[in-house]
N, C-alpha and C. Protein backbone atom coordinates (compact mmCIF):
# COMPACT_ATOMS: atom_id res chain seq x y z
N MET A 1 -12.49 7.87 8.78
CA MET A 1 -12.12 6.54 8.28
C MET A 1 -11.29 5.80 9.33
N SER A 2 -11.69 4.60 9.64
CA SER A 2 -11.01 3.86 10.70
C SER A 2 -9.69 3.25 10.23
N LYS A 3 -8.86 2.91 11.19
CA LYS A 3 -7.54 2.34 10.89
C LYS A 3 -7.67 1.02 10.13
N SER A 4 -8.61 0.18 10.58
CA SER A 4 -8.75 -1.13 9.95
C SER A 4 -9.21 -1.02 8.50
N LYS A 5 -10.09 -0.05 8.24
CA LYS A 5 -10.56 0.16 6.87
C LYS A 5 -9.41 0.59 5.97
N LEU A 6 -8.55 1.48 6.49
CA LEU A 6 -7.40 1.94 5.74
C LEU A 6 -6.45 0.79 5.44
N CYS A 7 -6.23 -0.06 6.44
CA CYS A 7 -5.33 -1.20 6.26
C CYS A 7 -5.87 -2.16 5.20
N VAL A 8 -7.18 -2.39 5.25
CA VAL A 8 -7.81 -3.27 4.26
C VAL A 8 -7.67 -2.67 2.87
N LEU A 9 -7.86 -1.35 2.78
CA LEU A 9 -7.75 -0.65 1.50
C LEU A 9 -6.35 -0.81 0.93
N ILE A 10 -5.35 -0.57 1.77
CA ILE A 10 -3.96 -0.66 1.32
C ILE A 10 -3.60 -2.09 0.96
N PHE A 11 -4.09 -3.04 1.75
CA PHE A 11 -3.83 -4.44 1.44
C PHE A 11 -4.43 -4.82 0.09
N GLY A 12 -5.62 -4.28 -0.18
CA GLY A 12 -6.27 -4.53 -1.47
C GLY A 12 -5.45 -3.99 -2.62
N ILE A 13 -4.86 -2.82 -2.42
CA ILE A 13 -4.01 -2.24 -3.45
C ILE A 13 -2.79 -3.11 -3.67
N PHE A 14 -2.19 -3.60 -2.58
CA PHE A 14 -1.05 -4.50 -2.68
C PHE A 14 -1.40 -5.73 -3.53
N LYS A 15 -2.53 -6.33 -3.20
CA LYS A 15 -2.98 -7.53 -3.92
C LYS A 15 -3.15 -7.25 -5.40
N ARG A 16 -3.77 -6.11 -5.70
CA ARG A 16 -4.01 -5.75 -7.09
C ARG A 16 -2.69 -5.54 -7.82
N LEU A 17 -1.75 -4.92 -7.14
CA LEU A 17 -0.43 -4.67 -7.72
C LEU A 17 0.25 -5.97 -8.13
N GLN A 18 0.11 -6.98 -7.28
CA GLN A 18 0.77 -8.25 -7.55
C GLN A 18 0.20 -8.92 -8.80
N HIS A 19 -1.07 -8.66 -9.10
CA HIS A 19 -1.69 -9.31 -10.25
C HIS A 19 -1.55 -8.48 -11.53
N MET A 20 -1.12 -7.22 -11.39
CA MET A 20 -0.98 -6.37 -12.56
C MET A 20 0.22 -6.79 -13.39
N SER A 21 0.12 -6.58 -14.69
CA SER A 21 1.21 -6.97 -15.57
C SER A 21 2.03 -5.75 -16.00
N CYS A 22 2.15 -4.78 -15.10
CA CYS A 22 2.95 -3.61 -15.42
C CYS A 22 4.43 -3.91 -15.17
N PRO A 23 5.32 -3.14 -15.77
CA PRO A 23 6.76 -3.36 -15.60
C PRO A 23 7.15 -3.35 -14.12
N SER A 24 8.15 -4.14 -13.80
CA SER A 24 8.52 -4.32 -12.39
C SER A 24 9.02 -3.03 -11.74
N PHE A 25 9.63 -2.14 -12.54
CA PHE A 25 10.12 -0.91 -11.92
C PHE A 25 8.97 -0.01 -11.48
N ILE A 26 7.86 -0.04 -12.21
CA ILE A 26 6.67 0.70 -11.80
C ILE A 26 6.09 0.06 -10.54
N LYS A 27 6.04 -1.26 -10.55
CA LYS A 27 5.54 -1.99 -9.39
C LYS A 27 6.38 -1.66 -8.16
N PHE A 28 7.68 -1.60 -8.37
CA PHE A 28 8.60 -1.32 -7.26
C PHE A 28 8.36 0.07 -6.70
N GLN A 29 8.16 1.05 -7.58
CA GLN A 29 7.91 2.42 -7.13
C GLN A 29 6.61 2.52 -6.36
N LEU A 30 5.57 1.88 -6.89
CA LEU A 30 4.27 1.90 -6.21
C LEU A 30 4.37 1.21 -4.86
N GLN A 31 5.13 0.12 -4.82
CA GLN A 31 5.34 -0.62 -3.58
C GLN A 31 5.98 0.27 -2.52
N SER A 32 7.00 1.03 -2.91
CA SER A 32 7.68 1.88 -1.94
C SER A 32 6.78 3.02 -1.48
N ILE A 33 5.95 3.54 -2.40
CA ILE A 33 4.99 4.57 -2.01
C ILE A 33 4.02 4.02 -0.97
N LEU A 34 3.53 2.81 -1.22
CA LEU A 34 2.59 2.18 -0.29
C LEU A 34 3.26 1.89 1.05
N ASP A 35 4.53 1.46 1.00
CA ASP A 35 5.27 1.22 2.24
C ASP A 35 5.37 2.50 3.07
N ASN A 36 5.66 3.61 2.39
CA ASN A 36 5.74 4.90 3.08
C ASN A 36 4.40 5.28 3.68
N LEU A 37 3.32 5.05 2.93
CA LEU A 37 1.98 5.33 3.43
C LEU A 37 1.69 4.53 4.69
N LEU A 38 2.06 3.25 4.66
CA LEU A 38 1.83 2.40 5.83
C LEU A 38 2.60 2.91 7.04
N LEU A 39 3.84 3.34 6.83
CA LEU A 39 4.64 3.89 7.92
C LEU A 39 3.99 5.13 8.51
N ILE A 40 3.52 6.01 7.63
CA ILE A 40 2.85 7.23 8.08
C ILE A 40 1.61 6.89 8.89
N LEU A 41 0.83 5.93 8.39
CA LEU A 41 -0.39 5.53 9.09
C LEU A 41 -0.06 4.93 10.46
N LYS A 42 0.97 4.09 10.50
CA LYS A 42 1.36 3.45 11.76
C LYS A 42 1.75 4.50 12.80
N THR A 43 2.54 5.49 12.37
CA THR A 43 2.99 6.51 13.32
C THR A 43 1.84 7.41 13.74
N LYS A 44 0.90 7.64 12.84
CA LYS A 44 -0.25 8.49 13.17
C LYS A 44 -1.19 7.82 14.16
N PHE A 45 -1.41 6.53 13.99
CA PHE A 45 -2.42 5.85 14.78
C PHE A 45 -1.89 5.18 16.04
N SER A 46 -0.56 5.04 16.12
CA SER A 46 -0.03 4.34 17.29
C SER A 46 0.25 5.29 18.45
């Protein structure tokens, strides 16, 4: 799986999260998980 595909995938998840009507604390937790994933990906691919 290429880096750009992963980025697009994660961006799509971000977008979906913003439109979801789940409680903000769940959104916040998911956001931090995604942030950590992005950091891991950046360090792996750079």
